Amino acid sequence: MSILWKELPSRNNLGTEPEAKSVNFLIVIASAIAFFLVLHWVLCRTFIVCISELVIALNYDRGLDCIGSL
């Protein structure tokens, strides 16, 4: 069994080359940027919807025309 084990490539050496590290680093950076872009998009849309609903609710309470006052 020890002879067979010596013939197999070591799994510890996979991904230790500089090219593999740079590719992994680029994947991590791209994933982080994509995550923050999606998070930013979701939060901005939520904020815009909440503000517009608040404006409509305030105008409705005052008895104003909601569409005309926006």
C-alpha atoms as a PDB file:
ATOM      1  CA  MET A   1       0.000   0.000   0.000  1.00  0.00           C
ATOM      2  CA  SER A   2       2.848   2.405   0.692  1.00  0.00           C
ATOM      3  CA  ILE A   3       4.152   1.909  -2.874  1.00  0.00           C
ATOM      4  CA  LEU A   4       0.744   2.752  -4.327  1.00  0.00           C
ATOM      5  CA  TRP A   5       0.488   5.813  -2.123  1.00  0.00           C
ATOM      6  CA  LYS A   6       3.857   7.123  -3.318  1.00  0.00           C
ATOM      7  CA  GLU A   7       2.777   6.864  -6.958  1.00  0.00           C
ATOM      8  CA  LEU A   8      -0.355   8.942  -6.479  1.00  0.00           C
ATOM      9  CA  PRO A   9      -0.007  12.707  -6.764  1.00  0.00           C
ATOM     10  CA  SER A  10      -0.187  14.545  -3.499  1.00  0.00           C
ATOM     11  CA  ARG A  11      -3.451  16.383  -2.961  1.00  0.00           C
ATOM     12  CA  ASN A  12      -1.689  18.969  -0.803  1.00  0.00           C
ATOM     13  CA  ASN A  13       0.110  20.399  -3.828  1.00  0.00           C
ATOM     14  CA  LEU A  14      -3.089  21.179  -5.738  1.00  0.00           C
ATOM     15  CA  GLY A  15      -3.760  24.900  -5.716  1.00  0.00           C
ATOM     16  CA  THR A  16      -0.398  25.910  -4.286  1.00  0.00           C
ATOM     17  CA  GLU A  17       1.012  27.252  -7.564  1.00  0.00           C
ATOM     18  CA  PRO A  18       0.993  31.049  -7.917  1.00  0.00           C
ATOM     19  CA  GLU A  19      -1.390  30.828 -10.897  1.00  0.00           C
ATOM     20  CA  ALA A  20      -3.921  28.835  -8.904  1.00  0.00           C
ATOM     21  CA  LYS A  21      -3.660  31.236  -5.975  1.00  0.00           C
ATOM     22  CA  SER A  22      -4.215  34.253  -8.215  1.00  0.00           C
ATOM     23  CA  VAL A  23      -7.225  32.605  -9.864  1.00  0.00           C
ATOM     24  CA  ASN A  24      -8.681  31.777  -6.449  1.00  0.00           C
ATOM     25  CA  PHE A  25      -8.034  35.355  -5.325  1.00  0.00           C
ATOM     26  CA  LEU A  26      -9.771  36.733  -8.419  1.00  0.00           C
ATOM     27  CA  ILE A  27     -12.760  34.455  -7.838  1.00  0.00           C
ATOM     28  CA  VAL A  28     -13.019  35.632  -4.222  1.00  0.00           C
ATOM     29  CA  ILE A  29     -12.780  39.305  -5.247  1.00  0.00           C
ATOM     30  CA  ALA A  30     -15.349  38.877  -8.044  1.00  0.00           C
ATOM     31  CA  SER A  31     -17.719  37.063  -5.682  1.00  0.00           C
ATOM     32  CA  ALA A  32     -17.385  39.793  -3.054  1.00  0.00           C
ATOM     33  CA  ILE A  33     -18.039  42.543  -5.618  1.00  0.00           C
ATOM     34  CA  ALA A  34     -21.077  40.699  -6.970  1.00  0.00           C
ATOM     35  CA  PHE A  35     -22.417  40.160  -3.445  1.00  0.00           C
ATOM     36  CA  PHE A  36     -22.084  43.837  -2.533  1.00  0.00           C
ATOM     37  CA  LEU A  37     -23.631  44.967  -5.817  1.00  0.00           C
ATOM     38  CA  VAL A  38     -26.664  42.745  -5.250  1.00  0.00           C
ATOM     39  CA  LEU A  39     -26.890  43.860  -1.626  1.00  0.00           C
ATOM     40  CA  HIS A  40     -26.651  47.510  -2.660  1.00  0.00           C
ATOM     41  CA  TRP A  41     -29.352  47.016  -5.320  1.00  0.00           C
ATOM     42  CA  VAL A  42     -31.723  45.291  -2.879  1.00  0.00           C
ATOM     43  CA  LEU A  43     -31.210  47.866  -0.128  1.00  0.00           C
ATOM     44  CA  CYS A  44     -31.612  50.828  -2.478  1.00  0.00           C
ATOM     45  CA  ARG A  45     -34.816  49.420  -3.970  1.00  0.00           C
ATOM     46  CA  THR A  46     -36.167  48.720  -0.495  1.00  0.00           C
ATOM     47  CA  PHE A  47     -35.286  52.234   0.650  1.00  0.00           C
ATOM     48  CA  ILE A  48     -36.886  53.836  -2.434  1.00  0.00           C
ATOM     49  CA  VAL A  49     -40.062  51.780  -2.026  1.00  0.00           C
ATOM     50  CA  CYS A  50     -40.290  52.621   1.679  1.00  0.00           C
ATOM     51  CA  ILE A  51     -39.794  56.344   1.078  1.00  0.00           C
ATOM     52  CA  SER A  52     -42.339  56.428  -1.759  1.00  0.00           C
ATOM     53  CA  GLU A  53     -44.897  54.552   0.360  1.00  0.00           C
ATOM     54  CA  LEU A  54     -44.263  56.974   3.218  1.00  0.00           C
ATOM     55  CA  VAL A  55     -44.802  59.964   0.930  1.00  0.00           C
ATOM     56  CA  ILE A  56     -47.998  58.459  -0.444  1.00  0.00           C
ATOM     57  CA  ALA A  57     -49.228  57.670   3.075  1.00  0.00           C
ATOM     58  CA  LEU A  58     -48.490  61.209   4.300  1.00  0.00           C
ATOM     59  CA  ASN A  59     -50.237  62.736   1.306  1.00  0.00           C
ATOM     60  CA  TYR A  60     -53.189  60.414   1.746  1.00  0.00           C
ATOM     61  CA  ASP A  61     -53.518  61.432   5.403  1.00  0.00           C
ATOM     62  CA  ARG A  62     -53.576  65.092   4.384  1.00  0.00           C
ATOM     63  CA  GLY A  63     -56.284  64.433   1.833  1.00  0.00           C
ATOM     64  CA  LEU A  64     -54.111  65.510  -1.106  1.00  0.00           C
ATOM     65  CA  ASP A  65     -54.027  63.923  -4.519  1.00  0.00           C
ATOM     66  CA  CYS A  66     -51.187  61.387  -4.207  1.00  0.00           C
ATOM     67  CA  ILE A  67     -50.281  61.257  -7.882  1.00  0.00           C
ATOM     68  CA  GLY A  68     -50.382  65.006  -8.382  1.00  0.00           C
ATOM     69  CA  SER A  69     -48.285  65.811  -5.344  1.00  0.00           C
ATOM     70  CA  LEU A  70     -45.497  63.391  -6.213  1.00  0.00           C
END
